[in-house]
């Protein structure tokens, strides 16, 4: 003898079968695409919005041109010094209908500076683990391209580095007593360009923390960086 489904059981089965479609429809309605690499245009109250994916992670590899400006002749390395910048970033959309993102991550970045020339040359290696704290605005240009101006700050912790005195033929840690502090922090401003998964940007970091151990002499980092990478 066949049993008929009760109205309550039938309702529950229909709800389970239709829930994925309802969730997908809701995600499109709120500007979230199930294909995170795609960008869509949606309409709400007669206005069009660009629907970006809510979250992303990215890899970055870059080139630094850094310097150290100091009131102390011993620590002043105002001549530029090249270094590498490598890291991982993650970003999150702050509002559903505005392409405004918060981005952070972790970088290993090589900074420092130079002073003098020839046998009187000093080089300062200051390498850090850096945490950026940025607000980005993504402006959609079409054909998979977007412009990403950003601003914010950073905090960094010195990991390693050497001061090389070419005249005295000596090399010692940059963080020895009388030289540099390990902590750094400051402002970061720049602009990126995305093309599908590819990404490139340029930024300048202005150190606000006094990285010199002498309280009477101001010593600050400065760094210009170009990065390339991918976003997922």
Protein backbone atom coordinates (compact mmCIF):
# COMPACT_ATOMS: atom_id res chain seq x y z
CA UNK A 1 0.00 0.00 0.00
CA UNK A 2 1.48 3.34 -1.04
CA UNK A 3 1.89 6.01 1.53
CA UNK A 4 1.24 9.61 0.59
CA UNK A 5 3.56 12.38 1.79
CA UNK A 6 2.13 14.62 4.44
CA UNK A 7 1.86 18.33 3.53
CA UNK A 8 4.50 19.21 6.17
CA UNK A 9 7.02 16.66 4.86
CA UNK A 10 6.41 17.80 1.28
CA UNK A 11 7.00 21.41 2.29
CA UNK A 12 10.28 20.48 4.01
CA UNK A 13 11.54 18.55 0.98
CA UNK A 14 10.70 21.43 -1.38
CA UNK A 15 12.46 23.88 0.97
CA UNK A 16 15.64 21.78 1.01
CA UNK A 17 15.67 21.42 -2.80
CA UNK A 18 15.02 25.10 -3.43
CA UNK A 19 17.34 26.55 -0.75
CA UNK A 20 20.55 26.51 -2.92
CA UNK A 21 18.76 28.42 -5.67
CA UNK A 22 17.37 30.88 -3.14
CA UNK A 23 20.83 31.43 -1.63
CA UNK A 24 22.40 32.00 -5.05
CA UNK A 25 19.64 34.44 -5.97
CA UNK A 26 20.12 36.26 -2.66
CA UNK A 27 23.90 36.48 -3.21
CA UNK A 28 23.43 38.08 -6.62
CA UNK A 29 20.84 40.44 -5.18
CA UNK A 30 23.35 41.59 -2.54
CA UNK A 31 26.18 42.01 -5.01
CA UNK A 32 28.16 38.85 -4.26
CA UNK A 33 29.04 36.65 -7.19
CA UNK A 34 29.56 32.89 -6.70
CA UNK A 35 32.40 33.25 -9.24
CA UNK A 36 34.77 35.44 -7.18
CA UNK A 37 36.98 36.32 -10.14
CA UNK A 38 34.10 37.94 -12.04
CA UNK A 39 32.64 41.43 -11.81
CA UNK A 40 28.94 42.08 -12.43
CA UNK A 41 26.68 45.09 -12.79
CA UNK A 42 23.54 44.92 -10.67
CA UNK A 43 20.63 47.31 -10.23
CA UNK A 44 19.08 48.52 -6.99
CA UNK A 45 16.50 51.31 -6.61
CA UNK A 46 17.16 52.43 -10.16
CA UNK A 47 20.94 52.72 -9.71
CA UNK A 48 23.63 50.44 -11.11
CA UNK A 49 26.35 49.01 -8.91
CA UNK A 50 29.50 47.05 -9.64
CA UNK A 51 29.34 43.74 -7.74
CA UNK A 52 32.83 42.77 -6.61
CA UNK A 53 33.77 39.56 -4.84
CA UNK A 54 33.78 40.07 -1.08
CA UNK A 55 37.13 38.51 -0.20
CA UNK A 56 40.46 37.98 -1.94
CA UNK A 57 43.98 36.86 -1.19
CA UNK A 58 47.05 37.81 -3.18
CA UNK A 59 50.77 37.29 -3.60
CA UNK A 60 53.17 40.22 -4.05
CA UNK A 61 56.78 40.55 -5.19
CA UNK A 62 58.36 43.95 -5.46
CA UNK A 63 61.36 46.25 -5.60
CA UNK A 64 62.19 48.88 -2.94
CA UNK A 65 64.15 52.11 -3.19
CA UNK A 66 64.67 53.14 0.45
CA UNK A 67 66.53 55.74 2.47
CA UNK A 68 67.03 56.75 6.12
CA UNK A 69 66.87 60.42 7.07
CA UNK A 70 68.37 61.36 10.43
CA UNK A 71 69.54 64.36 12.41
CA UNK A 72 72.44 62.16 13.53
CA UNK A 73 75.38 62.07 11.08
CA UNK A 74 76.08 58.55 12.30
CA UNK A 75 72.65 57.20 11.23
CA UNK A 76 71.84 59.39 8.21
CA UNK A 77 71.56 57.24 5.10
CA UNK A 78 69.83 59.63 2.72
CA UNK A 79 71.34 58.05 -0.41
CA UNK A 80 68.88 55.47 -1.82
CA UNK A 81 69.38 51.74 -1.32
CA UNK A 82 67.65 48.96 -3.32
CA UNK A 83 65.95 45.94 -1.78
CA UNK A 84 63.25 43.32 -2.22
CA UNK A 85 59.65 43.25 -1.01
CA UNK A 86 57.70 39.97 -0.82
CA UNK A 87 54.43 39.17 0.88
CA UNK A 88 50.91 37.84 1.14
CA UNK A 89 47.80 40.07 1.31
CA UNK A 90 44.13 39.56 2.05
CA UNK A 91 41.25 41.94 1.49
CA UNK A 92 37.59 42.22 2.50
CA UNK A 93 34.82 44.35 1.01
CA UNK A 94 33.47 46.78 3.63
CA UNK A 95 30.03 47.51 2.12
CA UNK A 96 27.95 45.45 -0.35
CA UNK A 97 27.29 48.25 -2.86
CA UNK A 98 30.52 50.23 -2.69
CA UNK A 99 33.85 48.77 -3.93
CA UNK A 100 35.61 49.86 -0.74
CA UNK A 101 37.99 47.29 0.76
CA UNK A 102 40.12 46.81 3.84
CA UNK A 103 43.46 45.14 3.02
CA UNK A 104 46.15 43.75 5.28
CA UNK A 105 48.82 41.06 5.03
CA UNK A 106 52.39 40.26 5.94
CA UNK A 107 55.56 41.32 4.09
CA UNK A 108 59.27 40.75 4.37
CA UNK A 109 60.77 44.02 3.18
CA UNK A 110 64.38 45.16 2.79
CA UNK A 111 65.04 48.82 3.57
CA UNK A 112 67.90 50.99 4.74
CA UNK A 113 70.10 53.61 3.13
CA UNK A 114 73.62 54.69 2.23
CA UNK A 115 75.93 57.56 3.10
CA UNK A 116 79.26 58.75 1.80
CA UNK A 117 81.10 57.19 -1.12
CA UNK A 118 84.22 55.22 -1.88
CA UNK A 119 86.21 54.22 1.20
CA UNK A 120 84.07 56.55 3.38
CA UNK A 121 80.86 54.73 2.49
CA UNK A 122 78.37 53.42 5.06
CA UNK A 123 75.45 51.14 4.17
CA UNK A 124 72.51 50.49 6.49
CA UNK A 125 70.48 47.29 6.02
CA UNK A 126 67.14 47.42 7.84
CA UNK A 127 64.94 44.42 7.12
CA UNK A 128 61.43 44.13 8.54
CA UNK A 129 58.33 42.03 8.88
CA UNK A 130 55.60 44.50 7.97
CA UNK A 131 51.84 44.56 8.57
CA UNK A 132 49.98 46.99 6.25
CA UNK A 133 46.56 48.41 7.22
CA UNK A 134 44.98 49.92 4.10
CA UNK A 135 41.67 51.20 2.72
CA UNK A 136 41.28 50.62 -1.04
CA UNK A 137 38.75 51.88 -3.55
CA UNK A 138 38.37 49.79 -6.71
CA UNK A 139 37.24 51.75 -9.75
CA UNK A 140 36.02 49.49 -12.57
CA UNK A 141 37.39 50.48 -16.00
CA UNK A 142 35.94 47.66 -18.13
CA UNK A 143 37.46 44.67 -19.93
CA UNK A 144 38.61 43.17 -16.63
CA UNK A 145 40.62 46.24 -15.60
CA UNK A 146 40.29 48.25 -12.39
CA UNK A 147 42.10 51.11 -10.73
CA UNK A 148 42.80 50.81 -6.99
CA UNK A 149 43.94 53.96 -5.14
CA UNK A 150 44.64 53.33 -1.45
CA UNK A 151 45.90 54.91 1.75
CA UNK A 152 46.54 53.79 5.29
CA UNK A 153 49.35 52.87 7.60
CA UNK A 154 51.80 50.15 8.48
CA UNK A 155 53.62 48.73 11.49
CA UNK A 156 56.89 46.82 11.17
CA UNK A 157 59.33 44.86 13.30
CA UNK A 158 63.04 44.69 12.46
CA UNK A 159 64.26 41.14 11.92
CA UNK A 160 67.86 41.48 10.70
CA UNK A 161 70.30 43.87 9.07
CA UNK A 162 73.90 45.05 9.12
CA UNK A 163 75.72 48.34 9.12
CA UNK A 164 78.84 48.21 6.94
CA UNK A 165 81.66 50.67 7.55
CA UNK A 166 83.84 50.47 4.44
CA UNK A 167 86.57 52.71 5.85
CA UNK A 168 87.00 50.67 9.03
CA UNK A 169 86.25 47.37 7.25
CA UNK A 170 83.66 46.54 9.92
CA UNK A 171 80.15 45.09 9.84
CA UNK A 172 77.79 44.82 12.82
CA UNK A 173 74.08 44.50 13.58
CA UNK A 174 71.91 47.51 12.77
CA UNK A 175 70.06 46.98 16.06
CA UNK A 176 73.05 47.13 18.41
CA UNK A 177 73.02 49.67 21.23
CA UNK A 178 73.42 53.21 19.93
CA UNK A 179 71.99 52.57 16.46
CA UNK A 180 68.47 51.59 15.30
CA UNK A 181 65.29 50.48 17.07
CA UNK A 182 63.46 47.44 15.73
CA UNK A 183 59.98 49.02 15.72
CA UNK A 184 58.78 51.16 12.81
CA UNK A 185 55.42 52.55 11.80
CA UNK A 186 54.03 55.20 9.50
CA UNK A 187 51.84 56.10 6.55
CA UNK A 188 51.43 54.30 3.25
CA UNK A 189 49.82 55.73 0.10
CA UNK A 190 49.71 54.34 -3.43
CA UNK A 191 47.71 53.14 -6.39
CA UNK A 192 47.27 49.72 -7.94
CA UNK A 193 46.00 48.42 -11.26
CA UNK A 194 44.25 45.08 -11.68
CA UNK A 195 43.67 43.10 -14.85
CA UNK A 196 41.65 39.96 -14.12
CA UNK A 197 43.94 38.10 -11.65
CA UNK A 198 47.06 40.16 -12.39
CA UNK A 199 48.01 43.12 -10.23
CA UNK A 200 50.65 45.89 -10.18
CA UNK A 201 51.05 48.88 -7.87
CA UNK A 202 53.35 51.67 -6.74
CA UNK A 203 53.42 53.23 -3.28
CA UNK A 204 55.40 55.41 -0.91
CA UNK A 205 55.86 54.71 2.80
CA UNK A 206 56.65 57.58 5.15
CA UNK A 207 58.03 56.44 8.50
CA UNK A 208 56.64 58.34 11.48
CA UNK A 209 58.29 56.37 14.27
CA UNK A 210 61.73 57.46 15.44
CA UNK A 211 63.83 54.40 14.56
CA UNK A 212 67.00 55.86 16.11
CA UNK A 213 67.85 55.00 19.70
CA UNK A 214 68.82 58.59 20.51
CA UNK A 215 65.71 60.50 21.64
CA UNK A 216 67.25 63.85 20.70
CA UNK A 217 67.84 63.00 17.02
CA UNK A 218 64.91 62.17 14.73
CA UNK A 219 65.56 59.19 12.45
CA UNK A 220 62.94 57.98 9.97
CA UNK A 221 62.52 55.48 7.16
CA UNK A 222 61.29 56.36 3.69
CA UNK A 223 60.60 53.85 0.94
CA UNK A 224 59.26 53.83 -2.63
CA UNK A 225 58.00 50.40 -3.78
CA UNK A 226 56.79 48.82 -7.03
CA UNK A 227 54.94 45.50 -6.66
CA UNK A 228 53.58 42.91 -9.07
CA UNK A 229 51.41 39.96 -8.13
CA UNK A 230 48.21 37.97 -8.49
CA UNK A 231 44.86 38.01 -6.65
CA UNK A 232 42.71 34.93 -6.04
